[in-house]
C-alpha atoms as a PDB file:
ATOM      1  CA  MET A   1      42.451   4.838  17.118  1.00  0.00           C
ATOM      2  CA  ALA A   2      39.992   2.207  18.214  1.00  0.00           C
ATOM      3  CA  LEU A   3      36.392   3.064  18.929  1.00  0.00           C
ATOM      4  CA  SER A   4      35.148   2.405  22.401  1.00  0.00           C
ATOM      5  CA  ILE A   5      32.277  -0.003  23.052  1.00  0.00           C
ATOM      6  CA  LYS A   6      30.086   2.982  23.921  1.00  0.00           C
ATOM      7  CA  SER A   7      30.846   4.628  20.560  1.00  0.00           C
ATOM      8  CA  LYS A   8      30.112   1.407  18.682  1.00  0.00           C
ATOM      9  CA  LEU A   9      26.774   0.983  20.470  1.00  0.00           C
ATOM     10  CA  LEU A  10      25.838   4.585  19.748  1.00  0.00           C
ATOM     11  CA  PHE A  11      26.715   4.123  16.072  1.00  0.00           C
ATOM     12  CA  ALA A  12      24.646   0.914  15.887  1.00  0.00           C
ATOM     13  CA  ALA A  13      21.681   2.619  17.553  1.00  0.00           C
ATOM     14  CA  LEU A  14      21.830   5.559  15.142  1.00  0.00           C
ATOM     15  CA  LEU A  15      22.065   3.179  12.206  1.00  0.00           C
ATOM     16  CA  LEU A  16      18.951   1.323  13.349  1.00  0.00           C
ATOM     17  CA  VAL A  17      17.041   4.578  13.823  1.00  0.00           C
ATOM     18  CA  GLY A  18      18.011   5.592  10.287  1.00  0.00           C
ATOM     19  CA  VAL A  19      16.836   2.292   8.822  1.00  0.00           C
ATOM     20  CA  PHE A  20      13.473   2.485  10.584  1.00  0.00           C
ATOM     21  CA  ALA A  21      13.037   6.131   9.572  1.00  0.00           C
ATOM     22  CA  CYS A  22      13.600   5.214   5.903  1.00  0.00           C
ATOM     23  CA  GLN A  23      11.047   2.404   6.089  1.00  0.00           C
ATOM     24  CA  THR A  24       8.469   4.691   7.700  1.00  0.00           C
ATOM     25  CA  THR A  25       9.026   7.378   5.065  1.00  0.00           C
ATOM     26  CA  SER A  26       8.737   4.819   2.276  1.00  0.00           C
ATOM     27  CA  ARG A  27       5.502   3.421   3.727  1.00  0.00           C
ATOM     28  CA  THR A  28       4.084   6.962   4.082  1.00  0.00           C
ATOM     29  CA  LEU A  29       4.898   7.760   0.451  1.00  0.00           C
ATOM     30  CA  GLN A  30       3.328   4.475  -0.664  1.00  0.00           C
ATOM     31  CA  ASP A  31       0.160   5.266   1.299  1.00  0.00           C
ATOM     32  CA  GLU A  32       0.009   8.760  -0.211  1.00  0.00           C
ATOM     33  CA  SER A  33       0.464   7.320  -3.697  1.00  0.00           C
ATOM     34  CA  MET A  34      -2.176   4.669  -3.037  1.00  0.00           C
ATOM     35  CA  PHE A  35      -4.606   7.274  -1.687  1.00  0.00           C
ATOM     36  CA  ALA A  36      -4.078   9.378  -4.828  1.00  0.00           C
ATOM     37  CA  LEU A  37      -4.923   6.301  -6.936  1.00  0.00           C
ATOM     38  CA  TYR A  38      -7.997   5.751  -4.767  1.00  0.00           C
ATOM     39  CA  GLU A  39      -9.187   9.347  -5.210  1.00  0.00           C
ATOM     40  CA  GLN A  40      -8.637   9.117  -8.998  1.00  0.00           C
ATOM     41  CA  ARG A  41     -10.693   5.912  -9.134  1.00  0.00           C
ATOM     42  CA  MET A  42     -13.516   7.492  -7.146  1.00  0.00           C
ATOM     43  CA  ALA A  43     -13.654  10.425  -9.568  1.00  0.00           C
ATOM     44  CA  ARG A  44     -13.309   8.283 -12.695  1.00  0.00           C
ATOM     45  CA  TYR A  45     -16.026   5.798 -11.775  1.00  0.00           C
ATOM     46  CA  GLY A  46     -18.266   8.173  -9.798  1.00  0.00           C
ATOM     47  CA  HIS A  47     -17.912   6.274  -6.537  1.00  0.00           C
ATOM     48  CA  VAL A  48     -19.490   8.024  -3.558  1.00  0.00           C
ATOM     49  CA  TYR A  49     -19.465   6.414  -0.137  1.00  0.00           C
ATOM     50  CA  GLU A  50     -21.996   6.724   2.652  1.00  0.00           C
ATOM     51  CA  ASP A  51     -19.544   8.007   5.269  1.00  0.00           C
ATOM     52  CA  GLU A  52     -15.865   8.222   6.179  1.00  0.00           C
ATOM     53  CA  THR A  53     -15.950   4.775   7.795  1.00  0.00           C
ATOM     54  CA  GLU A  54     -17.083   3.135   4.560  1.00  0.00           C
ATOM     55  CA  LYS A  55     -14.588   5.214   2.581  1.00  0.00           C
ATOM     56  CA  ALA A  56     -11.747   4.061   4.861  1.00  0.00           C
ATOM     57  CA  ASN A  57     -12.898   0.444   4.595  1.00  0.00           C
ATOM     58  CA  ARG A  58     -13.024   0.638   0.781  1.00  0.00           C
ATOM     59  CA  PHE A  59      -9.533   2.168   0.767  1.00  0.00           C
ATOM     60  CA  LYS A  60      -8.251  -0.741   2.870  1.00  0.00           C
ATOM     61  CA  ILE A  61      -9.836  -3.248   0.465  1.00  0.00           C
ATOM     62  CA  LEU A  62      -8.355  -1.409  -2.532  1.00  0.00           C
ATOM     63  CA  LYS A  63      -4.855  -1.526  -0.990  1.00  0.00           C
ATOM     64  CA  GLU A  64      -5.172  -5.270  -0.392  1.00  0.00           C
ATOM     65  CA  ASN A  65      -6.420  -5.829  -3.939  1.00  0.00           C
ATOM     66  CA  VAL A  66      -3.608  -3.723  -5.448  1.00  0.00           C
ATOM     67  CA  GLU A  67      -1.061  -5.815  -3.511  1.00  0.00           C
ATOM     68  CA  TYR A  68      -2.671  -8.949  -4.968  1.00  0.00           C
ATOM     69  CA  ILE A  69      -2.713  -7.423  -8.470  1.00  0.00           C
ATOM     70  CA  GLU A  70       0.996  -6.602  -8.212  1.00  0.00           C
ATOM     71  CA  PHE A  71       1.745 -10.107  -6.915  1.00  0.00           C
ATOM     72  CA  ILE A  72      -0.110 -11.741  -9.839  1.00  0.00           C
ATOM     73  CA  ASN A  73       1.459  -9.462 -12.447  1.00  0.00           C
ATOM     74  CA  ASN A  74       4.982  -9.883 -11.037  1.00  0.00           C
ATOM     75  CA  ALA A  75       4.686 -13.675 -10.749  1.00  0.00           C
ATOM     76  CA  GLY A  76       4.871 -13.989 -14.533  1.00  0.00           C
ATOM     77  CA  THR A  77       2.757 -17.141 -14.565  1.00  0.00           C
ATOM     78  CA  LYS A  78      -0.196 -15.635 -16.426  1.00  0.00           C
ATOM     79  CA  THR A  79      -0.517 -14.732 -20.080  1.00  0.00           C
ATOM     80  CA  HIS A  80      -2.469 -11.615 -19.135  1.00  0.00           C
ATOM     81  CA  LYS A  81      -2.097  -8.649 -16.807  1.00  0.00           C
ATOM     82  CA  VAL A  82      -4.539  -7.772 -14.040  1.00  0.00           C
ATOM     83  CA  GLY A  83      -5.306  -4.110 -13.360  1.00  0.00           C
ATOM     84  CA  VAL A  84      -7.195  -1.668 -11.193  1.00  0.00           C
ATOM     85  CA  ASN A  85     -10.730  -1.014 -12.392  1.00  0.00           C
ATOM     86  CA  GLN A  86     -14.140   0.022 -11.024  1.00  0.00           C
ATOM     87  CA  PHE A  87     -14.338  -3.215  -9.003  1.00  0.00           C
ATOM     88  CA  ALA A  88     -10.978  -2.856  -7.219  1.00  0.00           C
ATOM     89  CA  ASP A  89     -12.550  -1.715  -3.945  1.00  0.00           C
ATOM     90  CA  LEU A  90     -14.792  -4.782  -3.656  1.00  0.00           C
ATOM     91  CA  THR A  91     -14.046  -7.946  -1.720  1.00  0.00           C
ATOM     92  CA  ASN A  92     -14.079 -11.230  -3.645  1.00  0.00           C
ATOM     93  CA  GLU A  93     -17.451 -12.064  -2.100  1.00  0.00           C
ATOM     94  CA  GLU A  94     -18.941  -8.719  -3.161  1.00  0.00           C
ATOM     95  CA  PHE A  95     -17.560  -9.078  -6.688  1.00  0.00           C
ATOM     96  CA  GLN A  96     -18.909 -12.624  -7.074  1.00  0.00           C
ATOM     97  CA  ALA A  97     -22.349 -11.454  -5.924  1.00  0.00           C
ATOM     98  CA  ILE A  98     -22.621  -8.992  -8.837  1.00  0.00           C
END
């Protein structure tokens, strides 16, 4: 029994919704995991931020730096590994100014 065009379109639409739902869930879990790392770092290194705006900005910087760290470590072109430390929520400019 052949599926009608309407049935095929409905199936395709449901498939797309499922794919996007999986990506959203994955991104949410990654953000939760990243925020847990961020909170652990704050406790470990005694970081306290002035307000929620600064805290959110530092979290954004940390996420960008972790993506870079993973890129460098996965590239396999270095003889060393880069990791998250007390400076991971600083921009390059802020780190160089230390």
